[in-house]
Amino acid sequence: MKKDELIQRLIDLDLDAQLTFVDDTTFKCYIVGGSALAIMGYTIRSTHDIDILERYPKEISSLFSKHDMNMDVVAYFDSFPSGYEERACLIDIPTEKVKFFTLSLEDLVIAKLCTTRGKQDIVDIDSESVIKDIDWERLESLANLLRNSKISGMENFDYNYKEYKNKHRL
């Protein structure tokens, strides 16, 4: 899926949620990973699913599954510095039941630098547009916040972060 397809998937999920939840119930959904970068316009790489962060009530979880939204990101939850909700960016699309957010660019870069899954995660954040838009002070602050949380695999993050800064910091 590319950006337009991802956005349509979110709108379709919201339409299903409107049919399922006829009361005033609303949900927040935080999109992460390559799908978030695509929605933000930082990558044109296609993705098969939409990675979302958080655990949801069973009633809406079935809708997320139906629309190929990956809720297994909880395994990587430590890769997201605390307070990500306050830094998240609302996706400006017409929805009623589900408000969709991407994490901030800096939160997404931090999470990608925590990876041990392969080079594609690093390639996702090596684009000129990502490098140009990063708030390097915020990135450093989030890196320190993550270090203070003492996550497992910190050595991998520190190595990737140092390499990333050396390669891209202007």
Protein backbone atom coordinates (compact mmCIF):
# COMPACT_ATOMS: atom_id res chain seq x y z
CA MET A 1 0.00 0.00 0.00
CA LYS A 2 1.12 3.50 -0.78
CA LYS A 3 0.01 6.73 0.96
CA ASP A 4 -3.37 7.05 -0.79
CA GLU A 5 -4.20 3.40 -0.12
CA LEU A 6 -3.16 3.73 3.52
CA ILE A 7 -5.37 6.79 4.01
CA GLN A 8 -8.31 5.03 2.36
CA ARG A 9 -7.78 2.04 4.67
CA LEU A 10 -8.05 4.36 7.69
CA ILE A 11 -11.21 5.98 6.37
CA ASP A 12 -12.73 2.56 5.65
CA LEU A 13 -11.93 1.40 9.17
CA ASP A 14 -13.60 4.49 10.59
CA LEU A 15 -16.72 3.83 8.50
CA ASP A 16 -16.87 0.29 9.92
CA ALA A 17 -16.40 1.71 13.42
CA GLN A 18 -19.33 4.09 12.85
CA LEU A 19 -21.53 1.09 12.05
CA THR A 20 -20.22 -0.92 15.00
CA PHE A 21 -20.26 1.77 17.70
CA VAL A 22 -23.48 3.77 17.50
CA ASP A 23 -22.89 5.53 20.82
CA ASP A 24 -20.41 8.35 21.54
CA THR A 25 -17.45 5.98 21.82
CA THR A 26 -14.28 7.24 20.12
CA PHE A 27 -10.80 5.81 19.84
CA LYS A 28 -7.28 7.10 19.27
CA CYS A 29 -4.97 5.12 17.05
CA TYR A 30 -1.21 5.74 16.86
CA ILE A 31 0.40 4.67 13.58
CA VAL A 32 4.11 3.84 13.58
CA GLY A 33 6.76 2.34 11.35
CA GLY A 34 7.02 2.56 7.59
CA SER A 35 3.30 3.16 7.23
CA ALA A 36 3.56 6.31 9.39
CA LEU A 37 6.49 7.56 7.31
CA ALA A 38 4.49 6.91 4.12
CA ILE A 39 1.45 8.77 5.44
CA MET A 40 3.71 11.67 6.42
CA GLY A 41 5.15 11.70 2.89
CA TYR A 42 8.68 10.63 3.83
CA THR A 43 8.77 7.35 1.95
CA ILE A 44 7.15 6.00 -1.16
CA ARG A 45 7.98 2.42 -0.26
CA SER A 46 4.95 0.18 -0.28
CA THR A 47 3.90 -1.59 2.91
CA HIS A 48 1.62 -4.58 3.45
CA ASP A 49 0.03 -3.52 6.71
CA ILE A 50 -0.35 -0.58 9.04
CA ASP A 51 1.58 -0.84 12.29
CA ILE A 52 -0.31 0.59 15.24
CA LEU A 53 0.72 1.17 18.81
CA GLU A 54 -1.47 0.52 21.83
CA ARG A 55 -3.83 -2.15 22.96
CA TYR A 56 -7.49 -1.73 22.20
CA PRO A 57 -10.76 -3.21 23.42
CA LYS A 58 -11.66 -6.49 21.75
CA GLU A 59 -14.57 -4.84 19.92
CA ILE A 60 -12.35 -2.54 17.88
CA SER A 61 -9.42 -4.95 17.67
CA SER A 62 -11.43 -7.10 15.31
CA LEU A 63 -11.93 -4.08 13.03
CA PHE A 64 -8.19 -3.35 13.12
CA SER A 65 -7.47 -6.95 12.10
CA LYS A 66 -10.06 -6.79 9.32
CA HIS A 67 -8.25 -3.77 7.86
CA ASP A 68 -4.74 -5.34 8.09
CA MET A 69 -3.58 -3.25 10.98
CA ASN A 70 -0.69 -4.84 12.84
CA MET A 71 -1.18 -4.68 16.60
CA ASP A 72 1.90 -6.80 17.34
CA VAL A 73 4.00 -3.65 17.70
CA VAL A 74 3.57 -4.00 21.47
CA ALA A 75 6.66 -6.24 21.33
CA TYR A 76 8.65 -3.14 20.34
CA PHE A 77 6.89 -0.78 22.75
CA ASP A 78 10.16 -0.01 24.58
CA SER A 79 11.44 1.63 21.38
CA PHE A 80 9.06 4.56 21.81
CA PRO A 81 10.15 7.18 24.35
CA SER A 82 7.56 8.04 26.97
CA GLY A 83 5.27 10.96 26.19
CA TYR A 84 4.92 10.05 22.51
CA GLU A 85 1.18 10.79 22.72
CA GLU A 86 1.87 14.49 23.35
CA ARG A 87 4.25 14.65 20.38
CA ALA A 88 1.96 12.73 18.02
CA CYS A 89 0.51 14.43 14.93
CA LEU A 90 -3.18 14.13 14.03
CA ILE A 91 -3.72 12.82 10.51
CA ASP A 92 -6.05 15.28 8.86
CA ILE A 93 -8.65 12.96 7.35
CA PRO A 94 -12.45 12.93 7.73
CA THR A 95 -13.10 10.40 10.50
CA GLU A 96 -15.63 10.33 13.35
CA LYS A 97 -15.02 7.30 15.57
CA VAL A 98 -11.27 6.84 15.25
CA LYS A 99 -8.78 9.68 15.36
CA PHE A 100 -5.57 8.60 13.71
CA PHE A 101 -2.15 9.93 14.67
CA THR A 102 1.40 9.34 13.52
CA LEU A 103 4.16 9.60 16.05
CA SER A 104 6.45 12.58 15.65
CA LEU A 105 9.22 12.22 13.09
CA GLU A 106 11.77 12.12 15.90
CA ASP A 107 9.89 9.34 17.74
CA LEU A 108 9.76 7.33 14.52
CA VAL A 109 13.50 7.83 13.90
CA ILE A 110 14.30 6.72 17.46
CA ALA A 111 12.18 3.58 17.03
CA LYS A 112 13.84 2.77 13.70
CA LEU A 113 17.27 3.17 15.30
CA CYS A 114 16.30 0.65 18.00
CA THR A 115 15.77 -2.04 15.41
CA THR A 116 17.75 -5.20 15.00
CA ARG A 117 15.53 -6.39 12.15
CA GLY A 118 17.56 -5.22 9.20
CA LYS A 119 18.74 -2.42 6.98
CA GLN A 120 15.29 -1.46 5.62
CA ASP A 121 14.40 0.27 8.88
CA ILE A 122 17.52 2.43 8.61
CA VAL A 123 16.93 3.09 4.89
CA ASP A 124 13.46 4.39 5.80
CA ILE A 125 15.02 7.23 7.81
CA ASP A 126 17.99 7.97 5.53
CA SER A 127 16.01 10.02 3.01
CA GLU A 128 16.94 13.62 2.36
CA SER A 129 13.47 14.81 3.40
CA VAL A 130 13.67 13.04 6.77
CA ILE A 131 17.14 14.41 7.46
CA LYS A 132 16.03 17.94 6.50
CA ASP A 133 12.96 17.88 8.78
CA ILE A 134 14.44 16.31 11.91
CA ASP A 135 14.58 18.52 14.96
CA TRP A 136 18.03 17.36 16.08
CA GLU A 137 17.67 18.83 19.58
CA ARG A 138 14.39 16.96 20.09
CA LEU A 139 15.98 13.79 18.70
CA GLU A 140 18.86 14.09 21.19
CA SER A 141 16.40 14.72 24.03
CA LEU A 142 14.37 11.63 23.07
CA ALA A 143 17.54 9.54 22.78
CA ASN A 144 18.47 10.57 26.34
CA LEU A 145 14.94 9.82 27.53
CA LEU A 146 15.17 6.37 26.00
CA ARG A 147 18.59 5.76 27.57
CA ASN A 148 17.21 6.70 30.99
CA SER A 149 14.43 4.15 30.62
CA LYS A 150 17.08 1.40 30.44
CA ILE A 151 15.48 -0.69 27.71
CA SER A 152 16.98 -3.97 26.66
CA GLY A 153 19.11 -3.75 23.54
CA MET A 154 20.40 -0.27 24.35
CA GLU A 155 23.81 -1.12 22.88
CA ASN A 156 22.21 -1.63 19.47
CA PHE A 157 20.40 1.71 19.72
CA ASP A 158 23.52 3.58 20.86
CA TYR A 159 25.53 2.16 17.96
CA ASN A 160 22.83 2.97 15.38
CA TYR A 161 22.22 6.43 16.84
CA LYS A 162 25.93 7.33 16.80
CA GLU A 163 26.27 6.14 13.19
CA TYR A 164 23.13 8.02 12.15
CA LYS A 165 24.26 11.28 13.76
CA ASN A 166 27.74 11.02 12.29
CA LYS A 167 26.32 10.41 8.84
CA HIS A 168 23.56 13.03 8.79
CA ARG A 169 23.99 15.75 11.41
CA LEU A 170 24.60 19.00 9.58
